Amino acid sequence: MCECVFVCSMKLKHFSKFADMTDALSAATAAVEGKMNKDLKKMLKKVFSSDIQEELAVADAKLGNVIKVGGACVF
């Protein structure tokens, strides 16, 4: 039996605070439903350029399938 250990390092590329509790609730609800709200979509387009190949780690598979940016989406 082979035990494989993968070690990877991740670096936070961008952080954005919510304007208020309503925006936070709206984003959380959209994420639970596997959707992107417009603020998340705008931020991803701004931070992840389509000509650069990068990987984006997403914890939720449904949300990961919705996100279409320049690089690969890993969940």
Protein backbone atom coordinates (compact mmCIF):
# COMPACT_ATOMS: atom_id res chain seq x y z
CA MET A 1 0.00 0.00 0.00
CA CYS A 2 1.39 3.35 -1.04
CA GLU A 3 0.81 6.50 0.93
CA CYS A 4 1.09 9.61 -1.16
CA VAL A 5 1.54 12.96 0.47
CA PHE A 6 0.99 16.12 -1.49
CA VAL A 7 2.42 19.34 -0.20
CA CYS A 8 1.40 22.57 -1.79
CA SER A 9 1.58 26.12 -0.72
CA MET A 10 -1.06 28.70 -1.39
CA LYS A 11 -0.84 32.42 -1.16
CA LEU A 12 -3.76 34.78 -0.64
CA LYS A 13 -3.90 36.92 -3.75
CA HIS A 14 -6.75 39.28 -2.90
CA PHE A 15 -9.08 40.07 -0.02
CA SER A 16 -12.13 42.27 -0.17
CA LYS A 17 -14.41 43.24 2.70
CA PHE A 18 -18.17 43.33 2.32
CA ALA A 19 -19.77 46.77 2.36
CA ASP A 20 -22.37 45.70 4.90
CA MET A 21 -24.23 42.72 6.34
CA THR A 22 -26.73 42.67 3.46
CA ASP A 23 -23.96 42.21 0.90
CA ALA A 24 -22.37 39.47 3.00
CA LEU A 25 -25.68 37.62 3.33
CA SER A 26 -26.37 37.93 -0.39
CA ALA A 27 -22.92 36.53 -1.26
CA ALA A 28 -23.27 33.67 1.22
CA THR A 29 -26.72 32.76 -0.09
CA ALA A 30 -25.48 32.75 -3.69
CA ALA A 31 -22.48 30.57 -2.74
CA VAL A 32 -24.70 28.04 -0.95
CA GLU A 33 -26.87 27.86 -4.07
CA GLY A 34 -23.79 27.31 -6.25
CA LYS A 35 -24.06 30.74 -7.89
CA MET A 36 -21.81 33.78 -8.12
CA ASN A 37 -23.05 37.18 -7.12
CA LYS A 38 -22.02 40.12 -9.30
CA ASP A 39 -19.41 41.44 -6.83
CA LEU A 40 -17.58 38.09 -6.78
CA LYS A 41 -17.72 37.85 -10.56
CA LYS A 42 -16.34 41.38 -10.96
CA MET A 43 -13.55 40.74 -8.45
CA LEU A 44 -12.50 37.47 -10.12
CA LYS A 45 -12.33 39.14 -13.54
CA LYS A 46 -10.23 41.95 -12.08
CA VAL A 47 -7.81 39.77 -10.09
CA PHE A 48 -7.43 36.82 -12.48
CA SER A 49 -6.41 37.96 -15.92
CA SER A 50 -7.54 35.65 -18.74
CA ASP A 51 -4.10 35.55 -20.37
CA ILE A 52 -2.30 34.27 -17.25
CA GLN A 53 -2.64 30.58 -16.42
CA GLU A 54 -3.21 30.27 -12.69
CA GLU A 55 -5.11 27.85 -10.47
CA LEU A 56 -7.89 28.96 -8.20
CA ALA A 57 -8.70 26.77 -5.18
CA VAL A 58 -12.41 26.64 -4.34
CA ALA A 59 -13.75 24.65 -1.40
CA ASP A 60 -17.24 24.07 -2.83
CA ALA A 61 -17.54 21.93 -5.97
CA LYS A 62 -20.81 23.51 -7.15
CA LEU A 63 -19.36 27.00 -6.90
CA GLY A 64 -16.11 25.83 -8.48
CA ASN A 65 -18.01 24.60 -11.53
CA VAL A 66 -19.68 27.99 -11.92
CA ILE A 67 -16.44 29.97 -11.84
CA LYS A 68 -14.92 30.33 -15.28
CA VAL A 69 -11.70 32.33 -15.15
CA GLY A 70 -8.47 32.20 -17.13
CA GLY A 71 -6.81 29.37 -15.20
CA ALA A 72 -7.90 26.06 -13.80
CA CYS A 73 -10.32 25.87 -10.91
CA VAL A 74 -9.34 23.28 -8.31
CA PHE A 75 -11.83 22.12 -5.70
